Amino acid sequence: WIDCLAADLPELPDAKRYRFITDFNLSAYDASVLTAETQNASYFEKVAKGRDGKVAANWVINELFGRMKKDDVTIANCPVTPGQLGGIIDLISSEEISGKIAKDLFEIVYTEGGSPADIVKSRGMKQVTDTDAIESIVDQIITDNPTQVEKAKLNPKLAGWFVGQVIKATGGKANPQVVNAIVAAKLAP
């Protein structure tokens, strides 16, 4: 009889916090923020289902809660559904979009609604991962900046300037890891 009653009780906040720490590999602080209110915890669990818990927590706490606080909105009337936020995270995980593009996409979904994947497709927000396309941009920037090339060969830390120029030339769409690898190879002494 007591076991039946216990089974019907909702999960207590401390138990949920502990479960978030163990199941989703969250810090105690993140777990506390997410379990402070039942609706927030429920929202997070929907976003995190089948995804990296830490990434989901970062997006829910930093981007979503940050924007909601700015607009004085509660989770009950939040314009972004767990499915939409999960869709943004999926696009990052599949490397279709970068973190920078994801923040722009979040803003669009928050203000206008819609499917993240459809928005990326219709607005041409997909990240450029085509190494040939990126390489030709790197080659052009190297050709146009011989003085910078000499400086970067003497001080490899200056290669970041080239990476920045490529990212700028692609409107923030070039995959930063791919750009770094190509720039490093081209500037190797």
N, C-alpha and C. Protein backbone atom coordinates (compact mmCIF):
# COMPACT_ATOMS: atom_id res chain seq x y z
N TRP A 1 0.83 -1.19 0.00
CA TRP A 1 0.00 0.00 0.00
C TRP A 1 0.88 1.27 0.00
N ILE A 2 1.88 1.30 0.86
CA ILE A 2 2.80 2.44 0.92
C ILE A 2 3.59 2.56 -0.38
N ASP A 3 4.01 1.42 -0.92
CA ASP A 3 4.74 1.43 -2.19
C ASP A 3 3.88 2.02 -3.32
N CYS A 4 2.58 1.72 -3.31
CA CYS A 4 1.66 2.27 -4.31
C CYS A 4 1.59 3.78 -4.20
N LEU A 5 1.49 4.27 -2.97
CA LEU A 5 1.45 5.72 -2.76
C LEU A 5 2.75 6.38 -3.20
N ALA A 6 3.87 5.76 -2.85
CA ALA A 6 5.18 6.30 -3.20
C ALA A 6 5.35 6.36 -4.72
N ALA A 7 4.83 5.34 -5.42
CA ALA A 7 4.95 5.30 -6.87
C ALA A 7 4.17 6.44 -7.54
N ASP A 8 3.10 6.89 -6.88
CA ASP A 8 2.27 7.96 -7.44
C ASP A 8 2.79 9.36 -7.14
N LEU A 9 3.74 9.48 -6.23
CA LEU A 9 4.28 10.79 -5.87
C LEU A 9 5.17 11.33 -6.99
N PRO A 10 5.14 12.64 -7.22
CA PRO A 10 6.06 13.20 -8.21
C PRO A 10 7.50 13.12 -7.68
N GLU A 11 8.44 13.16 -8.61
CA GLU A 11 9.85 13.13 -8.22
C GLU A 11 10.18 14.39 -7.42
N LEU A 12 10.82 14.19 -6.29
CA LEU A 12 11.18 15.32 -5.43
C LEU A 12 12.33 16.11 -6.06
N PRO A 13 12.39 17.42 -5.80
CA PRO A 13 13.42 18.26 -6.41
C PRO A 13 14.85 17.76 -6.19
N ASP A 14 15.18 17.32 -4.97
CA ASP A 14 16.54 16.83 -4.71
C ASP A 14 16.84 15.58 -5.54
N ALA A 15 15.86 14.70 -5.66
CA ALA A 15 16.05 13.48 -6.44
C ALA A 15 16.23 13.83 -7.92
N LYS A 16 15.44 14.78 -8.40
CA LYS A 16 15.54 15.21 -9.80
C LYS A 16 16.90 15.87 -10.06
N ARG A 17 17.32 16.71 -9.13
CA ARG A 17 18.63 17.38 -9.27
C ARG A 17 19.73 16.33 -9.36
N TYR A 18 19.70 15.33 -8.48
CA TYR A 18 20.70 14.27 -8.48
C TYR A 18 20.65 13.49 -9.81
N ARG A 19 19.43 13.21 -10.28
CA ARG A 19 19.27 12.48 -11.54
C ARG A 19 19.84 13.29 -12.71
N PHE A 20 19.62 14.59 -12.71
CA PHE A 20 20.16 15.43 -13.78
C PHE A 20 21.69 15.42 -13.77
N ILE A 21 22.26 15.42 -12.58
CA ILE A 21 23.73 15.38 -12.45
C ILE A 21 24.26 14.06 -12.99
N THR A 22 23.62 12.96 -12.63
CA THR A 22 24.12 11.64 -13.05
C THR A 22 23.73 11.29 -14.48
N ASP A 23 22.46 11.50 -14.85
CA ASP A 23 22.00 11.09 -16.18
C ASP A 23 22.51 12.01 -17.30
N PHE A 24 22.58 13.29 -17.03
CA PHE A 24 22.95 14.25 -18.07
C PHE A 24 24.35 14.82 -17.89
N ASN A 25 25.07 14.35 -16.86
CA ASN A 25 26.44 14.78 -16.60
C ASN A 25 26.53 16.30 -16.40
N LEU A 26 25.56 16.86 -15.66
CA LEU A 26 25.53 18.30 -15.42
C LEU A 26 26.25 18.66 -14.14
N SER A 27 26.67 19.91 -14.05
CA SER A 27 27.23 20.41 -12.80
C SER A 27 26.09 20.56 -11.80
N ALA A 28 26.43 20.62 -10.53
CA ALA A 28 25.41 20.80 -9.49
C ALA A 28 24.67 22.12 -9.71
N TYR A 29 25.41 23.14 -10.13
CA TYR A 29 24.78 24.45 -10.37
C TYR A 29 23.75 24.37 -11.49
N ASP A 30 24.15 23.80 -12.65
CA ASP A 30 23.22 23.69 -13.77
C ASP A 30 21.99 22.87 -13.39
N ALA A 31 22.21 21.76 -12.69
CA ALA A 31 21.09 20.92 -12.27
C ALA A 31 20.16 21.70 -11.34
N SER A 32 20.72 22.52 -10.46
CA SER A 32 19.89 23.33 -9.56
C SER A 32 19.06 24.36 -10.32
N VAL A 33 19.68 25.01 -11.29
CA VAL A 33 18.96 26.01 -12.09
C VAL A 33 17.80 25.34 -12.83
N LEU A 34 18.07 24.18 -13.41
CA LEU A 34 17.05 23.51 -14.22
C LEU A 34 15.93 22.88 -13.40
N THR A 35 16.21 22.55 -12.15
CA THR A 35 15.19 21.90 -11.32
C THR A 35 14.52 22.86 -10.34
N ALA A 36 14.86 24.13 -10.42
CA ALA A 36 14.27 25.12 -9.50
C ALA A 36 12.75 25.21 -9.68
N GLU A 37 12.29 25.01 -10.90
CA GLU A 37 10.86 25.01 -11.18
C GLU A 37 10.52 23.78 -12.00
N THR A 38 9.41 23.14 -11.67
CA THR A 38 9.01 21.89 -12.32
C THR A 38 8.88 22.05 -13.83
N GLN A 39 8.28 23.15 -14.29
CA GLN A 39 8.09 23.36 -15.73
C GLN A 39 9.43 23.51 -16.46
N ASN A 40 10.39 24.16 -15.82
CA ASN A 40 11.72 24.31 -16.43
C ASN A 40 12.39 22.95 -16.59
N ALA A 41 12.28 22.12 -15.55
CA ALA A 41 12.88 20.78 -15.59
C ALA A 41 12.24 19.95 -16.69
N SER A 42 10.93 20.03 -16.81
CA SER A 42 10.21 19.28 -17.83
C SER A 42 10.63 19.73 -19.23
N TYR A 43 10.74 21.03 -19.43
CA TYR A 43 11.18 21.59 -20.71
C TYR A 43 12.57 21.06 -21.05
N PHE A 44 13.49 21.17 -20.09
CA PHE A 44 14.86 20.71 -20.31
C PHE A 44 14.89 19.24 -20.69
N GLU A 45 14.14 18.41 -19.98
CA GLU A 45 14.16 16.97 -20.27
C GLU A 45 13.70 16.69 -21.69
N LYS A 46 12.73 17.44 -22.17
CA LYS A 46 12.26 17.25 -23.56
C LYS A 46 13.35 17.65 -24.55
N VAL A 47 14.05 18.74 -24.26
CA VAL A 47 15.14 19.18 -25.15
C VAL A 47 16.29 18.18 -25.12
N ALA A 48 16.64 17.69 -23.93
CA ALA A 48 17.81 16.83 -23.76
C ALA A 48 17.59 15.39 -24.23
N LYS A 49 16.35 14.98 -24.39
CA LYS A 49 16.07 13.58 -24.75
C LYS A 49 16.77 13.21 -26.06
N GLY A 50 17.67 12.23 -25.97
CA GLY A 50 18.41 11.76 -27.13
C GLY A 50 19.53 12.68 -27.58
N ARG A 51 19.85 13.69 -26.77
CA ARG A 51 20.90 14.64 -27.13
C ARG A 51 21.92 14.74 -25.99
N ASP A 52 23.02 15.43 -26.24
CA ASP A 52 24.04 15.69 -25.23
C ASP A 52 23.43 16.60 -24.16
N GLY A 53 23.36 16.09 -22.93
CA GLY A 53 22.72 16.82 -21.84
C GLY A 53 23.39 18.14 -21.52
N LYS A 54 24.72 18.18 -21.59
CA LYS A 54 25.44 19.42 -21.28
C LYS A 54 25.14 20.50 -22.32
N VAL A 55 25.12 20.10 -23.58
CA VAL A 55 24.82 21.06 -24.65
C VAL A 55 23.40 21.57 -24.49
N ALA A 56 22.47 20.65 -24.22
CA ALA A 56 21.07 21.05 -24.02
C ALA A 56 20.95 22.00 -22.83
N ALA A 57 21.63 21.69 -21.74
CA ALA A 57 21.58 22.55 -20.55
C ALA A 57 22.13 23.94 -20.86
N ASN A 58 23.24 24.00 -21.58
CA ASN A 58 23.82 25.30 -21.94
C ASN A 58 22.84 26.15 -22.74
N TRP A 59 22.18 25.52 -23.70
CA TRP A 59 21.23 26.26 -24.53
C TRP A 59 20.00 26.69 -23.73
N VAL A 60 19.49 25.80 -22.91
CA VAL A 60 18.30 26.14 -22.11
C VAL A 60 18.64 27.25 -21.11
N ILE A 61 19.74 27.09 -20.39
CA ILE A 61 20.09 28.06 -19.34
C ILE A 61 20.57 29.39 -19.92
N ASN A 62 21.53 29.34 -20.82
CA ASN A 62 22.15 30.57 -21.30
C ASN A 62 21.32 31.31 -22.35
N GLU A 63 20.96 30.60 -23.41
CA GLU A 63 20.25 31.28 -24.50
C GLU A 63 18.77 31.47 -24.18
N LEU A 64 18.09 30.37 -23.86
CA LEU A 64 16.64 30.46 -23.65
C LEU A 64 16.28 31.25 -22.40
N PHE A 65 16.79 30.82 -21.24
CA PHE A 65 16.44 31.52 -20.00
C PHE A 65 16.92 32.96 -20.03
N GLY A 66 18.09 33.20 -20.64
CA GLY A 66 18.62 34.56 -20.75
C GLY A 66 17.67 35.45 -21.53
N ARG A 67 17.19 34.94 -22.66
CA ARG A 67 16.27 35.72 -23.50
C ARG A 67 14.92 35.88 -22.81
N MET A 68 14.45 34.82 -22.16
CA MET A 68 13.16 34.88 -21.46
C MET A 68 13.21 35.92 -20.33
N LYS A 69 14.33 35.96 -19.63
CA LYS A 69 14.47 36.92 -18.53
C LYS A 69 14.45 38.35 -19.08
N LYS A 70 15.16 38.55 -20.19
CA LYS A 70 15.21 39.87 -20.83
C LYS A 70 13.81 40.34 -21.23
N ASP A 71 12.99 39.40 -21.71
CA ASP A 71 11.64 39.73 -22.18
C ASP A 71 10.57 39.53 -21.11
N ASP A 72 10.99 39.13 -19.90
CA ASP A 72 10.06 38.86 -18.80
C ASP A 72 8.99 37.84 -19.21
N VAL A 73 9.45 36.72 -19.77
CA VAL A 73 8.59 35.64 -20.24
C VAL A 73 8.83 34.42 -19.36
N THR A 74 7.79 33.65 -19.10
CA THR A 74 7.95 32.40 -18.34
C THR A 74 7.98 31.23 -19.31
N ILE A 75 8.37 30.08 -18.82
CA ILE A 75 8.45 28.88 -19.66
C ILE A 75 7.07 28.51 -20.20
N ALA A 76 6.03 28.83 -19.45
CA ALA A 76 4.66 28.50 -19.86
C ALA A 76 4.26 29.24 -21.14
N ASN A 77 4.76 30.46 -21.34
CA ASN A 77 4.42 31.18 -22.57
C ASN A 77 5.66 31.48 -23.42
N CYS A 78 6.63 30.60 -23.32
CA CYS A 78 7.87 30.71 -24.10
C CYS A 78 7.56 30.47 -25.58
N PRO A 79 8.06 31.33 -26.47
CA PRO A 79 7.78 31.16 -27.90
C PRO A 79 8.56 30.03 -28.58
N VAL A 80 9.56 29.48 -27.91
CA VAL A 80 10.36 28.39 -28.49
C VAL A 80 9.98 27.08 -27.82
N THR A 81 9.52 26.12 -28.62
CA THR A 81 9.15 24.82 -28.06
C THR A 81 10.40 23.98 -27.81
N PRO A 82 10.30 22.96 -26.96
CA PRO A 82 11.45 22.07 -26.77
C PRO A 82 11.89 21.43 -28.10
N GLY A 83 10.93 21.14 -28.96
CA GLY A 83 11.26 20.56 -30.26
C GLY A 83 12.08 21.50 -31.13
N GLN A 84 11.72 22.78 -31.10
CA GLN A 84 12.47 23.77 -31.88
C GLN A 84 13.89 23.93 -31.35
N LEU A 85 14.03 24.05 -30.03
CA LEU A 85 15.37 24.20 -29.45
C LEU A 85 16.19 22.94 -29.70
N GLY A 86 15.56 21.79 -29.56
CA GLY A 86 16.25 20.53 -29.87
C GLY A 86 16.69 20.48 -31.32
N GLY A 87 15.86 21.02 -32.21
CA GLY A 87 16.21 21.06 -33.64
C GLY A 87 17.45 21.91 -33.90
N ILE A 88 17.57 23.02 -33.18
CA ILE A 88 18.76 23.87 -33.31
C ILE A 88 20.00 23.10 -32.85
N ILE A 89 19.87 22.42 -31.72
CA ILE A 89 20.99 21.63 -31.18
C ILE A 89 21.38 20.52 -32.16
N ASP A 90 20.38 19.88 -32.78
CA ASP A 90 20.66 18.83 -33.76
C ASP A 90 21.43 19.38 -34.96
N LEU A 91 21.09 20.58 -35.40
CA LEU A 91 21.78 21.20 -36.54
C LEU A 91 23.24 21.52 -36.20
N ILE A 92 23.50 21.88 -34.94
CA ILE A 92 24.88 22.11 -34.50
C ILE A 92 25.63 20.78 -34.46
N SER A 93 25.00 19.77 -33.87
CA SER A 93 25.64 18.45 -33.72
C SER A 93 26.00 17.84 -35.07
N SER A 94 25.14 18.06 -36.07
CA SER A 94 25.40 17.51 -37.40
C SER A 94 26.34 18.40 -38.21
N GLU A 95 26.79 19.50 -37.60
CA GLU A 95 27.68 20.48 -38.22
C GLU A 95 27.08 21.16 -39.44
N GLU A 96 25.74 21.17 -39.53
CA GLU A 96 25.09 21.92 -40.61
C GLU A 96 25.19 23.41 -40.35
N ILE A 97 25.24 23.79 -39.06
CA ILE A 97 25.41 25.20 -38.71
C ILE A 97 26.48 25.31 -37.62
N SER A 98 27.09 26.47 -37.54
CA SER A 98 28.09 26.74 -36.50
C SER A 98 27.39 27.30 -35.27
N GLY A 99 28.13 27.44 -34.19
CA GLY A 99 27.57 28.03 -32.97
C GLY A 99 27.09 29.45 -33.19
N LYS A 100 27.83 30.21 -34.00
CA LYS A 100 27.45 31.60 -34.28
C LYS A 100 26.14 31.63 -35.07
N ILE A 101 26.05 30.80 -36.09
CA ILE A 101 24.82 30.73 -36.89
C ILE A 101 23.66 30.26 -36.02
N ALA A 102 23.94 29.33 -35.10
CA ALA A 102 22.89 28.80 -34.22
C ALA A 102 22.29 29.91 -33.36
N LYS A 103 23.11 30.84 -32.91
CA LYS A 103 22.58 31.95 -32.10
C LYS A 103 21.69 32.86 -32.95
N ASP A 104 22.08 33.08 -34.19
CA ASP A 104 21.23 33.87 -35.10
C ASP A 104 19.93 33.12 -35.37
N LEU A 105 20.03 31.82 -35.58
CA LEU A 105 18.86 30.99 -35.84
C LEU A 105 17.92 30.99 -34.63
N PHE A 106 18.49 30.89 -33.43
CA PHE A 106 17.68 30.92 -32.21
C PHE A 106 16.86 32.21 -32.16
N GLU A 107 17.50 33.31 -32.49
CA GLU A 107 16.83 34.62 -32.47
C GLU A 107 15.64 34.63 -33.43
N ILE A 108 15.83 34.06 -34.62
CA ILE A 108 14.75 33.99 -35.61
C ILE A 108 13.61 33.12 -35.09
N VAL A 109 13.94 31.94 -34.57
CA VAL A 109 12.92 31.02 -34.06
C VAL A 109 12.18 31.67 -32.89
N TYR A 110 12.91 32.35 -32.03
CA TYR A 110 12.30 33.01 -30.86
C TYR A 110 11.32 34.10 -31.29
N THR A 111 11.70 34.89 -32.27
CA THR A 111 10.86 36.04 -32.65
C THR A 111 9.82 35.71 -33.71
N GLU A 112 10.14 34.78 -34.63
CA GLU A 112 9.24 34.51 -35.74
C GLU A 112 8.61 33.12 -35.71
N GLY A 113 9.22 32.19 -34.95
CA GLY A 113 8.75 30.81 -34.95
C GLY A 113 9.26 30.06 -36.17
N GLY A 114 8.78 28.85 -36.36
CA GLY A 114 9.15 28.06 -37.53
C GLY A 114 10.09 26.92 -37.20
N SER A 115 10.28 26.07 -38.19
CA SER A 115 11.17 24.91 -38.06
C SER A 115 12.61 25.35 -38.27
N PRO A 116 13.50 25.06 -37.32
CA PRO A 116 14.90 25.46 -37.49
C PRO A 116 15.51 24.95 -38.80
N ALA A 117 15.25 23.70 -39.14
CA ALA A 117 15.84 23.13 -40.37
C ALA A 117 15.31 23.86 -41.61
N ASP A 118 14.02 24.18 -41.63
CA ASP A 118 13.44 24.89 -42.78
C ASP A 118 14.00 26.31 -42.89
N ILE A 119 14.18 26.96 -41.75
CA ILE A 119 14.73 28.33 -41.75
C ILE A 119 16.16 28.32 -42.29
N VAL A 120 16.97 27.37 -41.84
CA VAL A 120 18.35 27.26 -42.32
C VAL A 120 18.36 27.07 -43.83
N LYS A 121 17.48 26.21 -44.32
CA LYS A 121 17.42 25.93 -45.75
C LYS A 121 16.93 27.15 -46.54
N SER A 122 15.82 27.74 -46.10
CA SER A 122 15.22 28.84 -46.87
C SER A 122 16.06 30.13 -46.83
N ARG A 123 16.81 30.32 -45.76
CA ARG A 123 17.59 31.56 -45.64
C ARG A 123 19.08 31.37 -45.95
N GLY A 124 19.44 30.19 -46.41
CA GLY A 124 20.83 29.94 -46.78
C GLY A 124 21.80 30.08 -45.63
N MET A 125 21.43 29.55 -44.48
CA MET A 125 22.26 29.69 -43.28
C MET A 125 23.20 28.51 -43.06
N LYS A 126 23.15 27.53 -43.95
CA LYS A 126 23.94 26.32 -43.76
C LYS A 126 25.44 26.64 -43.76
N GLN A 127 26.15 25.99 -42.86
CA GLN A 127 27.59 26.19 -42.73
C GLN A 127 28.32 25.64 -43.96
N VAL A 128 29.35 26.35 -44.40
CA VAL A 128 30.16 25.91 -45.53
C VAL A 128 31.22 24.94 -45.01
N THR A 129 31.15 23.69 -45.47
CA THR A 129 32.15 22.70 -45.05
C THR A 129 32.92 22.17 -46.26
N ASP A 130 32.58 22.65 -47.44
CA ASP A 130 33.24 22.22 -48.67
C ASP A 130 34.69 22.73 -48.64
N THR A 131 35.62 21.79 -48.46
CA THR A 131 37.03 22.18 -48.30
C THR A 131 37.58 22.87 -49.54
N ASP A 132 37.12 22.49 -50.73
CA ASP A 132 37.61 23.13 -51.95
C ASP A 132 37.20 24.61 -51.99
N ALA A 133 35.95 24.87 -51.62
CA ALA A 133 35.46 26.26 -51.61
C ALA A 133 36.22 27.09 -50.58
N ILE A 134 36.42 26.52 -49.40
CA ILE A 134 37.14 27.23 -48.34
C ILE A 134 38.60 27.44 -48.75
N GLU A 135 39.19 26.41 -49.34
CA GLU A 135 40.59 26.50 -49.75
C GLU A 135 40.80 27.61 -50.78
N SER A 136 39.87 27.77 -51.71
CA SER A 136 40.04 28.82 -52.72
C SER A 136 39.95 30.21 -52.08
N ILE A 137 39.11 30.35 -51.05
CA ILE A 137 39.03 31.63 -50.34
C ILE A 137 40.33 31.89 -49.57
N VAL A 138 40.86 30.85 -48.92
CA VAL A 138 42.13 30.97 -48.19
C VAL A 138 43.23 31.38 -49.17
N ASP A 139 43.29 30.71 -50.33
CA ASP A 139 44.32 31.03 -51.33
C ASP A 139 44.23 32.50 -51.76
N GLN A 140 43.02 32.98 -51.97
CA GLN A 140 42.82 34.36 -52.40
C GLN A 140 43.30 35.34 -51.33
N ILE A 141 42.96 35.05 -50.08
CA ILE A 141 43.36 35.94 -48.98
C ILE A 141 44.88 35.92 -48.80
N ILE A 142 45.50 34.76 -48.96
CA ILE A 142 46.96 34.66 -48.87
C ILE A 142 47.61 35.45 -50.00
N THR A 143 47.09 35.31 -51.21
CA THR A 143 47.62 36.04 -52.37
C THR A 143 47.50 37.55 -52.18
N ASP A 144 46.38 37.98 -51.62
CA ASP A 144 46.13 39.42 -51.45
C ASP A 144 46.89 40.05 -50.29
N ASN A 145 47.49 39.22 -49.43
CA ASN A 145 48.12 39.75 -48.21
C ASN A 145 49.52 39.16 -47.97
N PRO A 146 50.47 39.40 -48.88
CA PRO A 146 51.80 38.80 -48.74
C PRO A 146 52.54 39.24 -47.47
N THR A 147 52.34 40.47 -47.02
CA THR A 147 53.00 40.94 -45.80
C THR A 147 52.52 40.16 -44.59
N GLN A 148 51.21 39.95 -44.52
CA GLN A 148 50.63 39.18 -43.41
C GLN A 148 51.14 37.73 -43.44
N VAL A 149 51.32 37.19 -44.64
CA VAL A 149 51.81 35.81 -44.77
C VAL A 149 53.19 35.70 -44.15
N GLU A 150 54.07 36.65 -44.46
CA GLU A 150 55.43 36.62 -43.90
C GLU A 150 55.41 36.73 -42.38
N LYS A 151 54.57 37.62 -41.87
CA LYS A 151 54.45 37.78 -40.41
C LYS A 151 53.92 36.50 -39.77
N ALA A 152 52.94 35.88 -40.40
CA ALA A 152 52.33 34.66 -39.84
C ALA A 152 53.31 33.49 -39.86
N LYS A 153 54.19 33.47 -40.87
CA LYS A 153 55.18 32.38 -40.93
C LYS A 153 56.20 32.54 -39.81
N LEU A 154 56.48 33.77 -39.40
CA LEU A 154 57.41 34.02 -38.30
C LEU A 154 56.72 33.81 -36.95
N ASN A 155 55.44 34.14 -36.88
CA ASN A 155 54.68 34.00 -35.64
C ASN A 155 53.36 33.29 -35.95
N PRO A 156 53.32 31.96 -35.80
CA PRO A 156 52.13 31.18 -36.16
C PRO A 156 50.83 31.63 -35.49
N LYS A 157 50.95 32.34 -34.37
CA LYS A 157 49.73 32.83 -33.70
C LYS A 157 48.97 33.83 -34.57
N LEU A 158 49.68 34.46 -35.49
CA LEU A 158 49.04 35.43 -36.38
C LEU A 158 48.18 34.77 -37.45
N ALA A 159 48.21 33.46 -37.54
CA ALA A 159 47.37 32.74 -38.50
C ALA A 159 45.89 32.99 -38.21
N GLY A 160 45.59 33.32 -36.98
CA GLY A 160 44.21 33.62 -36.61
C GLY A 160 43.62 34.76 -37.43
N TRP A 161 44.47 35.67 -37.87
CA TRP A 161 43.99 36.77 -38.70
C TRP A 161 43.40 36.24 -40.00
N PHE A 162 44.10 35.25 -40.59
CA PHE A 162 43.61 34.65 -41.84
C PHE A 162 42.30 33.91 -41.61
N VAL A 163 42.22 33.20 -40.51
CA VAL A 163 40.98 32.49 -40.17
C VAL A 163 39.83 33.49 -40.08
N GLY A 164 40.07 34.59 -39.41
CA GLY A 164 39.05 35.63 -39.27
C GLY A 164 38.62 36.20 -40.62
N GLN A 165 39.58 36.39 -41.52
CA GLN A 165 39.26 36.93 -42.84
C GLN A 165 38.41 35.95 -43.65
N VAL A 166 38.71 34.66 -43.52
CA VAL A 166 37.93 33.63 -44.24
C VAL A 166 36.50 33.58 -43.68
N ILE A 167 36.39 33.60 -42.37
CA ILE A 167 35.06 33.58 -41.74
C ILE A 167 34.27 34.81 -42.19
N LYS A 168 34.94 35.95 -42.22
CA LYS A 168 34.30 37.20 -42.65
C LYS A 168 33.87 37.10 -44.12
N ALA A 169 34.75 36.56 -44.96
CA ALA A 169 34.45 36.45 -46.39
C ALA A 169 33.27 35.52 -46.68
N THR A 170 33.04 34.57 -45.79
CA THR A 170 31.92 33.63 -45.99
C THR A 170 30.69 34.03 -45.19
N GLY A 171 30.70 35.21 -44.62
CA GLY A 171 29.56 35.66 -43.84
C GLY A 171 29.33 34.83 -42.59
N GLY A 172 30.43 34.31 -42.03
CA GLY A 172 30.34 33.51 -40.81
C GLY A 172 29.90 32.08 -41.05
N LYS A 173 29.82 31.67 -42.31
CA LYS A 173 29.30 30.33 -42.62
C LYS A 173 30.37 29.24 -42.73
N ALA A 174 31.63 29.62 -42.84
CA ALA A 174 32.69 28.61 -42.98
C ALA A 174 32.89 27.87 -41.66
N ASN A 175 33.07 26.58 -41.75
CA ASN A 175 33.32 25.76 -40.56
C ASN A 175 34.69 26.15 -40.00
N PRO A 176 34.73 26.70 -38.78
CA PRO A 176 36.00 27.20 -38.22
C PRO A 176 37.10 26.14 -38.12
N GLN A 177 36.74 24.89 -37.81
CA GLN A 177 37.76 23.84 -37.71
C GLN A 177 38.40 23.57 -39.07
N VAL A 178 37.56 23.55 -40.11
CA VAL A 178 38.08 23.31 -41.47
C VAL A 178 38.98 24.48 -41.87
N VAL A 179 38.54 25.69 -41.59
CA VAL A 179 39.33 26.88 -41.94
C VAL A 179 40.68 26.84 -41.22
N ASN A 180 40.67 26.56 -39.92
CA ASN A 180 41.92 26.48 -39.15
C ASN A 180 42.89 25.48 -39.75
N ALA A 181 42.38 24.31 -40.11
CA ALA A 181 43.24 23.25 -40.66
C ALA A 181 43.85 23.69 -42.00
N ILE A 182 43.05 24.28 -42.86
CA ILE A 182 43.54 24.71 -44.18
C ILE A 182 44.55 25.84 -44.03
N VAL A 183 44.24 26.83 -43.20
CA VAL A 183 45.16 27.96 -42.99
C VAL A 183 46.48 27.46 -42.42
N ALA A 184 46.41 26.57 -41.43
CA ALA A 184 47.64 26.04 -40.82
C ALA A 184 48.50 25.32 -41.86
N ALA A 185 47.86 24.54 -42.72
CA ALA A 185 48.60 23.80 -43.75
C ALA A 185 49.23 24.75 -44.77
N LYS A 186 48.51 25.78 -45.16
CA LYS A 186 49.00 26.73 -46.16
C LYS A 186 50.14 27.61 -45.63
N LEU A 187 50.09 27.90 -44.33
CA LEU A 187 51.10 28.79 -43.76
C LEU A 187 52.27 28.04 -43.11
N ALA A 188 52.23 26.72 -43.19
CA ALA A 188 53.31 25.94 -42.58
C ALA A 188 54.63 26.30 -43.26
N PRO A 189 55.69 26.50 -42.45
CA PRO A 189 56.99 26.91 -43.03
C PRO A 189 57.59 25.81 -43.90
